[in-house]
Structures are given as structure tokens and as C-alpha cells.
C-alpha atoms as a PDB file:
ATOM      1  CA  MET A   1      -2.524  -4.816  -8.621  1.00  0.00           C
ATOM      2  CA  ARG A   2      -2.304  -7.887 -10.840  1.00  0.00           C
ATOM      3  CA  GLU A   3      -4.488  -8.479 -13.897  1.00  0.00           C
ATOM      4  CA  ASP A   4      -6.547 -11.003 -11.888  1.00  0.00           C
ATOM      5  CA  GLY A   5      -7.458  -8.277  -9.354  1.00  0.00           C
ATOM      6  CA  ARG A   6      -5.232  -9.536  -6.535  1.00  0.00           C
ATOM      7  CA  LEU A   7      -3.437  -6.896  -4.474  1.00  0.00           C
ATOM      8  CA  LEU A   8       0.145  -6.970  -3.223  1.00  0.00           C
ATOM      9  CA  ALA A   9       0.468  -6.839   0.577  1.00  0.00           C
ATOM     10  CA  ILE A  10       3.093  -7.459   3.225  1.00  0.00           C
ATOM     11  CA  ARG A  11       3.055  -8.557   6.832  1.00  0.00           C
ATOM     12  CA  ARG A  12       5.234  -6.000   8.597  1.00  0.00           C
ATOM     13  CA  ALA A  13       8.239  -7.301  10.515  1.00  0.00           C
ATOM     14  CA  ASP A  14       7.982  -4.672  13.265  1.00  0.00           C
ATOM     15  CA  ASN A  15       4.370  -5.212  14.363  1.00  0.00           C
ATOM     16  CA  GLY A  16       2.976  -8.210  12.409  1.00  0.00           C
ATOM     17  CA  THR A  17       0.160  -6.267  10.735  1.00  0.00           C
ATOM     18  CA  TRP A  18      -0.797  -6.669   7.082  1.00  0.00           C
ATOM     19  CA  GLU A  19      -0.379  -3.487   5.038  1.00  0.00           C
ATOM     20  CA  LEU A  20       0.513  -2.390   1.547  1.00  0.00           C
ATOM     21  CA  PRO A  21       4.222  -1.935   0.854  1.00  0.00           C
ATOM     22  CA  GLY A  22       5.538   1.597   1.177  1.00  0.00           C
ATOM     23  CA  GLY A  23       7.737   3.962   3.076  1.00  0.00           C
ATOM     24  CA  ILE A  24       9.328   7.366   3.281  1.00  0.00           C
ATOM     25  CA  LEU A  25      10.581   9.211   0.214  1.00  0.00           C
ATOM     26  CA  GLU A  26      14.240  10.106  -0.117  1.00  0.00           C
ATOM     27  CA  LEU A  27      14.906  13.860  -0.292  1.00  0.00           C
ATOM     28  CA  ASP A  28      15.753  13.862  -4.015  1.00  0.00           C
ATOM     29  CA  GLU A  29      13.163  11.247  -5.030  1.00  0.00           C
ATOM     30  CA  THR A  30       9.848  11.723  -6.835  1.00  0.00           C
ATOM     31  CA  PRO A  31       6.784   9.980  -5.356  1.00  0.00           C
ATOM     32  CA  GLU A  32       6.676   7.578  -8.326  1.00  0.00           C
ATOM     33  CA  ALA A  33      10.356   6.658  -7.932  1.00  0.00           C
ATOM     34  CA  GLY A  34       9.833   6.156  -4.200  1.00  0.00           C
ATOM     35  CA  VAL A  35       6.924   3.801  -4.830  1.00  0.00           C
ATOM     36  CA  THR A  36       8.920   1.609  -7.191  1.00  0.00           C
ATOM     37  CA  ARG A  37      11.919   1.544  -4.832  1.00  0.00           C
ATOM     38  CA  GLU A  38       9.903   0.770  -1.682  1.00  0.00           C
ATOM     39  CA  VAL A  39       7.831  -1.985  -3.316  1.00  0.00           C
ATOM     40  CA  LEU A  40      10.970  -3.637  -4.703  1.00  0.00           C
ATOM     41  CA  GLU A  41      12.817  -3.375  -1.375  1.00  0.00           C
ATOM     42  CA  GLU A  42       9.965  -4.846   0.662  1.00  0.00           C
ATOM     43  CA  THR A  43       8.583  -7.458  -1.763  1.00  0.00           C
ATOM     44  CA  GLY A  44      11.043  -8.263  -4.573  1.00  0.00           C
ATOM     45  CA  ILE A  45       8.438  -7.117  -7.130  1.00  0.00           C
ATOM     46  CA  HIS A  46       9.161  -4.519  -9.811  1.00  0.00           C
ATOM     47  CA  VAL A  47       6.174  -2.266 -10.511  1.00  0.00           C
ATOM     48  CA  GLU A  48       5.083   0.364 -13.001  1.00  0.00           C
ATOM     49  CA  VAL A  49       3.188   3.262 -11.422  1.00  0.00           C
ATOM     50  CA  ASP A  50      -0.253   3.826 -12.936  1.00  0.00           C
ATOM     51  CA  GLU A  51      -1.972   6.637 -11.007  1.00  0.00           C
ATOM     52  CA  LEU A  52      -2.535   8.278  -7.639  1.00  0.00           C
ATOM     53  CA  THR A  53      -5.620   6.705  -6.044  1.00  0.00           C
ATOM     54  CA  GLY A  54      -5.687   8.312  -2.622  1.00  0.00           C
ATOM     55  CA  VAL A  55      -4.294  10.590   0.064  1.00  0.00           C
ATOM     56  CA  TYR A  56      -4.634   9.317   3.648  1.00  0.00           C
ATOM     57  CA  LYS A  57      -3.818  11.223   6.838  1.00  0.00           C
ATOM     58  CA  ASN A  58      -3.210   9.562  10.173  1.00  0.00           C
ATOM     59  CA  MET A  59      -4.637  12.271  12.427  1.00  0.00           C
ATOM     60  CA  THR A  60      -2.960  10.777  15.523  1.00  0.00           C
ATOM     61  CA  ARG A  61       0.579  10.778  14.109  1.00  0.00           C
ATOM     62  CA  GLY A  62       0.302  13.574  11.535  1.00  0.00           C
ATOM     63  CA  VAL A  63       1.516  11.300   8.733  1.00  0.00           C
ATOM     64  CA  VAL A  64       0.173  11.720   5.191  1.00  0.00           C
ATOM     65  CA  ALA A  65       0.378   8.749   2.819  1.00  0.00           C
ATOM     66  CA  LEU A  66       0.018   8.918  -0.963  1.00  0.00           C
ATOM     67  CA  VAL A  67      -1.237   5.686  -2.530  1.00  0.00           C
ATOM     68  CA  PHE A  68      -0.612   4.790  -6.165  1.00  0.00           C
ATOM     69  CA  ARG A  69      -2.102   1.967  -8.199  1.00  0.00           C
ATOM     70  CA  CYS A  70       0.709   0.014  -9.824  1.00  0.00           C
ATOM     71  CA  LYS A  71       1.052  -3.066 -11.974  1.00  0.00           C
ATOM     72  CA  PRO A  72       3.765  -5.693 -11.586  1.00  0.00           C
ATOM     73  CA  SER A  73       6.454  -5.746 -14.255  1.00  0.00           C
ATOM     74  CA  GLY A  74       8.754  -8.484 -12.986  1.00  0.00           C
ATOM     75  CA  GLY A  75      10.582  -9.868 -10.011  1.00  0.00           C
ATOM     76  CA  THR A  76       9.795 -12.648  -7.562  1.00  0.00           C
ATOM     77  CA  GLU A  77       8.045 -12.347  -4.212  1.00  0.00           C
ATOM     78  CA  ARG A  78      10.435 -12.375  -1.274  1.00  0.00           C
ATOM     79  CA  THR A  79      10.486 -11.034   2.260  1.00  0.00           C
ATOM     80  CA  SER A  80      12.896  -8.397   3.561  1.00  0.00           C
ATOM     81  CA  GLY A  81      14.031  -6.886   6.844  1.00  0.00           C
ATOM     82  CA  GLU A  82      10.738  -4.961   6.809  1.00  0.00           C
ATOM     83  CA  SER A  83       8.390  -7.832   5.839  1.00  0.00           C
ATOM     84  CA  THR A  84       7.855 -11.350   7.141  1.00  0.00           C
ATOM     85  CA  ALA A  85       5.354 -12.329   4.436  1.00  0.00           C
ATOM     86  CA  VAL A  86       4.483 -11.146   0.928  1.00  0.00           C
ATOM     87  CA  SER A  87       1.179 -12.167  -0.622  1.00  0.00           C
ATOM     88  CA  TRP A  88      -1.222 -11.330  -3.448  1.00  0.00           C
ATOM     89  CA  LEU A  89      -4.561 -10.982  -1.677  1.00  0.00           C
ATOM     90  CA  THR A  90      -8.132 -10.898  -2.933  1.00  0.00           C
ATOM     91  CA  PRO A  91     -10.204  -7.854  -1.914  1.00  0.00           C
ATOM     92  CA  ASP A  92     -12.015 -10.049   0.650  1.00  0.00           C
ATOM     93  CA  GLU A  93      -8.687 -11.170   2.136  1.00  0.00           C
ATOM     94  CA  VAL A  94      -7.562  -7.532   2.337  1.00  0.00           C
ATOM     95  CA  SER A  95     -10.688  -6.678   4.347  1.00  0.00           C
ATOM     96  CA  GLU A  96     -10.177  -9.688   6.644  1.00  0.00           C
ATOM     97  CA  ARG A  97      -6.458  -9.205   7.354  1.00  0.00           C
ATOM     98  CA  MET A  98      -6.008  -5.427   7.483  1.00  0.00           C
ATOM     99  CA  SER A  99      -7.348  -2.734   9.766  1.00  0.00           C
ATOM    100  CA  GLU A 100      -9.939  -0.487   8.159  1.00  0.00           C
ATOM    101  CA  ALA A 101      -7.440   2.382   7.779  1.00  0.00           C
ATOM    102  CA  PHE A 102      -5.145   0.234   5.602  1.00  0.00           C
ATOM    103  CA  ALA A 103      -7.673  -1.959   3.804  1.00  0.00           C
ATOM    104  CA  ILE A 104      -9.483   1.099   2.425  1.00  0.00           C
ATOM    105  CA  ARG A 105      -6.304   2.230   0.665  1.00  0.00           C
ATOM    106  CA  LEU A 106      -6.219  -0.917  -1.444  1.00  0.00           C
ATOM    107  CA  LEU A 107      -9.972  -1.068  -1.941  1.00  0.00           C
ATOM    108  CA  ASP A 108     -10.030   2.598  -3.041  1.00  0.00           C
ATOM    109  CA  ALA A 109      -7.396   1.768  -5.657  1.00  0.00           C
ATOM    110  CA  LEU A 110      -9.795  -0.772  -7.187  1.00  0.00           C
ATOM    111  CA  ASP A 111     -12.832   1.456  -7.602  1.00  0.00           C
ATOM    112  CA  GLY A 112     -11.433   3.859 -10.218  1.00  0.00           C
ATOM    113  CA  ASN A 113     -13.117   6.869  -8.594  1.00  0.00           C
ATOM    114  CA  GLY A 114     -10.041   8.453  -7.039  1.00  0.00           C
ATOM    115  CA  PRO A 115      -8.103  10.050  -5.908  1.00  0.00           C
ATOM    116  CA  HIS A 116      -9.795   9.625  -2.542  1.00  0.00           C
ATOM    117  CA  VAL A 117      -8.927  11.826   0.438  1.00  0.00           C
ATOM    118  CA  ARG A 118      -9.478  10.229   3.836  1.00  0.00           C
ATOM    119  CA  SER A 119      -8.481  10.657   7.476  1.00  0.00           C
ATOM    120  CA  HIS A 120      -8.019   7.950  10.099  1.00  0.00           C
ATOM    121  CA  ASP A 121      -6.751   7.370  13.624  1.00  0.00           C
ATOM    122  CA  GLY A 122      -4.318   4.596  12.681  1.00  0.00           C
ATOM    123  CA  GLN A 123      -6.976   1.886  12.740  1.00  0.00           C
ATOM    124  CA  HIS A 124     -10.358   3.337  11.777  1.00  0.00           C
ATOM    125  CA  LEU A 125     -11.575   5.945   9.324  1.00  0.00           C
ATOM    126  CA  ILE A 126     -12.721   9.273  10.718  1.00  0.00           C
ATOM    127  CA  PRO A 127     -15.999  10.363   9.123  1.00  0.00           C
ATOM    128  CA  VAL A 128     -15.967  13.703   7.317  1.00  0.00           C
END
């Protein structure tokens, strides 16, 4: 998240959807190190990890995602083999471009009331 409140997002190369950058941790890698590596690989932006803001489970696929709020510390936006666009979006743009299951991850990071724990089906949140 930048100081002006804009949020870093990518358009995925494999399916064209807008999501936050991320990926799978290496075996010997801490979550914080994985965040910094994945964001740099997919966007060209160096980040400093601030705090865990949410835990999100895709109930259909059995995948659990940890989401951390970060602040940029350098680099220049660029695409990669995993992204066809990199953009700093407003919260309204996040809600417009992303499915509910992904938009909520970024919006939860803004509210300062985390960490949140949520479940979804890949597109929509599943009520508790």
C-alpha cells in the first residue's frame, strides 16, 4: 500500500483476472521473505512487510492464503511472465476490477482491524 492509499495489483497472465501479487512459499523461506520475493518477481516493486492482515481459505481448492500489508521501498512497475499489467488501484477500482474473494483481501488490509479470517469459493465469500 502506498502512502496515498493506492493498492498494488496485477492482471494475471494465465487467466486475465486482477489480483494482488503473491505465490507459493519456497520450502526454506519465511512468509515475509516469500512476500517480498513474489511481489518483486511479479511487479518490479521492492516492499517492506508491515503486518499480517488476513488469512483466506479457498474452500473449493483447499488453498490457504496469508495476506500481509506492505509498503513500497523502491523499484519500478513492470510486468512479468505471471502478470500482463501492474497498477496502483484505488479501493473503488479494487472493488470494480476484482472478484469479491480477492478484493476483500486488499480492503481488509486497509481497515486496520485484522487479521481477518475468511473463507470463499474462489469468487465469493462464504458467510460464517
